[in-house]
């Protein structure tokens, strides 16, 4: 393996894809799927044993950029789930900024100011239950 590229994140993704295609081929028995499995296997070994490190590195960087764009909307969900016992995440209805509001000890109404647009929002905090936002005139917003 001296002078060869080896494994990276794209290789790992392609390996998982290969296993999924192989399992599907075992269950479905279609000729097109069998060709895809063979091509995937060939691509895996071609990337691992390639001596063109610069090109393989560039391919991996492109894959990482695409993966980041696809997974970035879900990163906020993970953070919100982790902080669900201590924080409330709400969007400002005017500027669409996500606000991190500390969960109060008591239930009730809390007034917060958006740091971006400086508008005052009223948040109804029901501990570990649904949180609703009211406008200044007291009407409920969805």
C-alpha atoms as a PDB file:
ATOM      1  CA  UNK A   1       0.000   0.000   0.000  1.00  0.00           C
ATOM      2  CA  UNK A   2       3.028   2.315  -0.164  1.00  0.00           C
ATOM      3  CA  UNK A   3       2.198   5.172  -2.509  1.00  0.00           C
ATOM      4  CA  UNK A   4      -1.514   4.273  -2.653  1.00  0.00           C
ATOM      5  CA  UNK A   5      -4.387   6.547  -1.627  1.00  0.00           C
ATOM      6  CA  UNK A   6      -6.159   4.291   0.877  1.00  0.00           C
ATOM      7  CA  UNK A   7      -9.534   4.884   2.537  1.00  0.00           C
ATOM      8  CA  UNK A   8     -11.429   8.087   3.334  1.00  0.00           C
ATOM      9  CA  UNK A   9     -14.994   9.263   3.995  1.00  0.00           C
ATOM     10  CA  UNK A  10     -16.071   8.763   0.368  1.00  0.00           C
ATOM     11  CA  UNK A  11     -14.737   5.201   0.489  1.00  0.00           C
ATOM     12  CA  UNK A  12     -16.779   4.539   3.635  1.00  0.00           C
ATOM     13  CA  UNK A  13     -19.943   5.896   1.991  1.00  0.00           C
ATOM     14  CA  UNK A  14     -19.326   3.824  -1.144  1.00  0.00           C
ATOM     15  CA  UNK A  15     -18.721   0.731   0.979  1.00  0.00           C
ATOM     16  CA  UNK A  16     -22.078   1.164   2.760  1.00  0.00           C
ATOM     17  CA  UNK A  17     -23.746   1.744  -0.605  1.00  0.00           C
ATOM     18  CA  UNK A  18     -22.093  -1.430  -1.927  1.00  0.00           C
ATOM     19  CA  UNK A  19     -23.433  -3.491   0.991  1.00  0.00           C
ATOM     20  CA  UNK A  20     -26.947  -2.093   0.464  1.00  0.00           C
ATOM     21  CA  UNK A  21     -26.817  -2.823  -3.277  1.00  0.00           C
ATOM     22  CA  UNK A  22     -25.484  -6.320  -2.621  1.00  0.00           C
ATOM     23  CA  UNK A  23     -28.320  -7.072  -0.189  1.00  0.00           C
ATOM     24  CA  UNK A  24     -30.866  -5.693  -2.651  1.00  0.00           C
ATOM     25  CA  UNK A  25     -29.334  -7.808  -5.418  1.00  0.00           C
ATOM     26  CA  UNK A  26     -29.600 -10.934  -3.273  1.00  0.00           C
ATOM     27  CA  UNK A  27     -33.282 -10.237  -2.602  1.00  0.00           C
ATOM     28  CA  UNK A  28     -34.363  -8.960  -6.037  1.00  0.00           C
ATOM     29  CA  UNK A  29     -32.111 -10.865  -8.505  1.00  0.00           C
ATOM     30  CA  UNK A  30     -32.148  -8.290 -11.308  1.00  0.00           C
ATOM     31  CA  UNK A  31     -29.381  -8.151 -13.944  1.00  0.00           C
ATOM     32  CA  UNK A  32     -29.113  -4.348 -13.779  1.00  0.00           C
ATOM     33  CA  UNK A  33     -28.611  -4.461 -10.034  1.00  0.00           C
ATOM     34  CA  UNK A  34     -25.915  -7.118 -10.453  1.00  0.00           C
ATOM     35  CA  UNK A  35     -24.053  -4.854 -12.894  1.00  0.00           C
ATOM     36  CA  UNK A  36     -24.282  -1.950 -10.418  1.00  0.00           C
ATOM     37  CA  UNK A  37     -22.831  -4.157  -7.653  1.00  0.00           C
ATOM     38  CA  UNK A  38     -19.870  -5.153  -9.819  1.00  0.00           C
ATOM     39  CA  UNK A  39     -19.257  -1.532 -10.900  1.00  0.00           C
ATOM     40  CA  UNK A  40     -19.434  -0.353  -7.295  1.00  0.00           C
ATOM     41  CA  UNK A  41     -16.965  -3.036  -6.192  1.00  0.00           C
ATOM     42  CA  UNK A  42     -14.583  -2.044  -9.008  1.00  0.00           C
ATOM     43  CA  UNK A  43     -14.851   1.634  -8.059  1.00  0.00           C
ATOM     44  CA  UNK A  44     -14.092   0.855  -4.418  1.00  0.00           C
ATOM     45  CA  UNK A  45     -10.867  -0.953  -5.213  1.00  0.00           C
ATOM     46  CA  UNK A  46      -9.864   1.554  -7.881  1.00  0.00           C
ATOM     47  CA  UNK A  47     -10.049   4.402  -5.354  1.00  0.00           C
ATOM     48  CA  UNK A  48      -8.187   2.495  -2.625  1.00  0.00           C
ATOM     49  CA  UNK A  49      -5.301   1.354  -4.842  1.00  0.00           C
ATOM     50  CA  UNK A  50      -5.014   4.562  -6.876  1.00  0.00           C
ATOM     51  CA  UNK A  51      -1.662   6.377  -6.935  1.00  0.00           C
ATOM     52  CA  UNK A  52      -3.252   9.672  -8.001  1.00  0.00           C
ATOM     53  CA  UNK A  53      -3.623  11.044  -4.473  1.00  0.00           C
ATOM     54  CA  UNK A  54      -4.372  14.606  -5.570  1.00  0.00           C
ATOM     55  CA  UNK A  55      -7.405  13.599  -7.631  1.00  0.00           C
ATOM     56  CA  UNK A  56      -8.769  11.203  -4.965  1.00  0.00           C
ATOM     57  CA  UNK A  57      -8.383  13.946  -2.323  1.00  0.00           C
ATOM     58  CA  UNK A  58     -10.297  16.379  -4.539  1.00  0.00           C
ATOM     59  CA  UNK A  59     -13.079  13.806  -5.058  1.00  0.00           C
ATOM     60  CA  UNK A  60     -13.328  13.357  -1.290  1.00  0.00           C
ATOM     61  CA  UNK A  61     -13.509  17.133  -0.735  1.00  0.00           C
ATOM     62  CA  UNK A  62     -16.361  17.413  -3.253  1.00  0.00           C
ATOM     63  CA  UNK A  63     -18.181  14.570  -1.480  1.00  0.00           C
ATOM     64  CA  UNK A  64     -17.717  16.258   1.920  1.00  0.00           C
ATOM     65  CA  UNK A  65     -19.108  19.564   0.592  1.00  0.00           C
ATOM     66  CA  UNK A  66     -22.173  17.831  -0.844  1.00  0.00           C
ATOM     67  CA  UNK A  67     -22.697  15.874   2.374  1.00  0.00           C
ATOM     68  CA  UNK A  68     -22.440  19.066   4.444  1.00  0.00           C
ATOM     69  CA  UNK A  69     -25.055  20.819   2.292  1.00  0.00           C
ATOM     70  CA  UNK A  70     -27.433  17.872   2.565  1.00  0.00           C
ATOM     71  CA  UNK A  71     -27.018  17.314   6.315  1.00  0.00           C
ATOM     72  CA  UNK A  72     -26.811  20.925   7.542  1.00  0.00           C
ATOM     73  CA  UNK A  73     -30.601  21.358   8.007  1.00  0.00           C
ATOM     74  CA  UNK A  74     -30.622  18.353  10.342  1.00  0.00           C
ATOM     75  CA  UNK A  75     -27.762  19.553  12.548  1.00  0.00           C
ATOM     76  CA  UNK A  76     -30.071  22.041  14.283  1.00  0.00           C
ATOM     77  CA  UNK A  77     -32.518  19.236  15.079  1.00  0.00           C
ATOM     78  CA  UNK A  78     -29.778  17.280  16.795  1.00  0.00           C
ATOM     79  CA  UNK A  79     -28.765  20.318  18.873  1.00  0.00           C
ATOM     80  CA  UNK A  80     -32.377  21.087  19.793  1.00  0.00           C
ATOM     81  CA  UNK A  81     -32.986  17.505  20.906  1.00  0.00           C
ATOM     82  CA  UNK A  82     -29.854  17.570  23.056  1.00  0.00           C
ATOM     83  CA  UNK A  83     -30.844  20.884  24.717  1.00  0.00           C
ATOM     84  CA  UNK A  84     -34.563  20.104  25.078  1.00  0.00           C
ATOM     85  CA  UNK A  85     -34.429  20.108  28.909  1.00  0.00           C
ATOM     86  CA  UNK A  86     -32.676  23.471  29.286  1.00  0.00           C
ATOM     87  CA  UNK A  87     -33.487  25.625  26.243  1.00  0.00           C
ATOM     88  CA  UNK A  88     -36.360  26.617  23.981  1.00  0.00           C
ATOM     89  CA  UNK A  89     -35.629  27.218  20.303  1.00  0.00           C
ATOM     90  CA  UNK A  90     -38.043  29.559  18.529  1.00  0.00           C
ATOM     91  CA  UNK A  91     -37.908  31.533  15.299  1.00  0.00           C
ATOM     92  CA  UNK A  92     -38.548  35.250  15.214  1.00  0.00           C
ATOM     93  CA  UNK A  93     -41.564  35.811  12.973  1.00  0.00           C
ATOM     94  CA  UNK A  94     -40.134  39.007  11.552  1.00  0.00           C
ATOM     95  CA  UNK A  95     -36.523  38.187  10.659  1.00  0.00           C
ATOM     96  CA  UNK A  96     -36.627  34.332  10.879  1.00  0.00           C
ATOM     97  CA  UNK A  97     -33.676  34.207  13.304  1.00  0.00           C
ATOM     98  CA  UNK A  98     -33.631  31.178  15.612  1.00  0.00           C
ATOM     99  CA  UNK A  99     -33.679  32.299  19.238  1.00  0.00           C
ATOM    100  CA  UNK A 100     -32.228  30.216  22.080  1.00  0.00           C
ATOM    101  CA  UNK A 101     -34.330  30.965  25.142  1.00  0.00           C
ATOM    102  CA  UNK A 102     -33.420  29.495  28.548  1.00  0.00           C
ATOM    103  CA  UNK A 103     -36.230  27.395  29.954  1.00  0.00           C
ATOM    104  CA  UNK A 104     -37.653  29.177  33.026  1.00  0.00           C
ATOM    105  CA  UNK A 105     -38.095  27.442  36.352  1.00  0.00           C
ATOM    106  CA  UNK A 106     -41.780  28.371  36.513  1.00  0.00           C
ATOM    107  CA  UNK A 107     -44.415  28.112  33.849  1.00  0.00           C
ATOM    108  CA  UNK A 108     -45.731  31.280  32.353  1.00  0.00           C
ATOM    109  CA  UNK A 109     -45.170  34.083  29.902  1.00  0.00           C
ATOM    110  CA  UNK A 110     -41.663  35.234  29.103  1.00  0.00           C
ATOM    111  CA  UNK A 111     -40.711  38.328  27.124  1.00  0.00           C
ATOM    112  CA  UNK A 112     -37.660  38.115  24.882  1.00  0.00           C
ATOM    113  CA  UNK A 113     -36.058  40.535  22.454  1.00  0.00           C
ATOM    114  CA  UNK A 114     -34.734  39.356  19.111  1.00  0.00           C
ATOM    115  CA  UNK A 115     -31.037  40.318  18.903  1.00  0.00           C
ATOM    116  CA  UNK A 116     -31.215  40.860  15.149  1.00  0.00           C
ATOM    117  CA  UNK A 117     -34.372  42.928  14.574  1.00  0.00           C
ATOM    118  CA  UNK A 118     -34.812  44.165  18.194  1.00  0.00           C
ATOM    119  CA  UNK A 119     -38.506  43.214  18.241  1.00  0.00           C
ATOM    120  CA  UNK A 120     -40.061  42.054  21.485  1.00  0.00           C
ATOM    121  CA  UNK A 121     -41.681  38.623  21.477  1.00  0.00           C
ATOM    122  CA  UNK A 122     -43.899  37.065  24.096  1.00  0.00           C
ATOM    123  CA  UNK A 123     -43.330  33.364  24.648  1.00  0.00           C
ATOM    124  CA  UNK A 124     -45.637  31.145  26.667  1.00  0.00           C
ATOM    125  CA  UNK A 125     -43.468  28.602  28.490  1.00  0.00           C
ATOM    126  CA  UNK A 126     -45.179  25.407  29.547  1.00  0.00           C
ATOM    127  CA  UNK A 127     -42.397  23.358  31.066  1.00  0.00           C
ATOM    128  CA  UNK A 128     -41.653  20.293  28.897  1.00  0.00           C
ATOM    129  CA  UNK A 129     -44.802  20.979  26.895  1.00  0.00           C
ATOM    130  CA  UNK A 130     -45.627  22.920  23.731  1.00  0.00           C
ATOM    131  CA  UNK A 131     -44.395  26.536  23.590  1.00  0.00           C
ATOM    132  CA  UNK A 132     -46.505  29.127  21.825  1.00  0.00           C
ATOM    133  CA  UNK A 133     -45.630  32.668  20.708  1.00  0.00           C
ATOM    134  CA  UNK A 134     -48.085  35.551  21.024  1.00  0.00           C
ATOM    135  CA  UNK A 135     -47.968  38.855  19.181  1.00  0.00           C
ATOM    136  CA  UNK A 136     -48.048  42.233  20.961  1.00  0.00           C
ATOM    137  CA  UNK A 137     -51.830  42.460  20.663  1.00  0.00           C
ATOM    138  CA  UNK A 138     -52.252  39.099  22.432  1.00  0.00           C
ATOM    139  CA  UNK A 139     -53.207  36.982  19.430  1.00  0.00           C
ATOM    140  CA  UNK A 140     -51.695  33.544  19.010  1.00  0.00           C
ATOM    141  CA  UNK A 141     -49.228  33.043  16.157  1.00  0.00           C
ATOM    142  CA  UNK A 142     -48.720  29.739  14.404  1.00  0.00           C
END
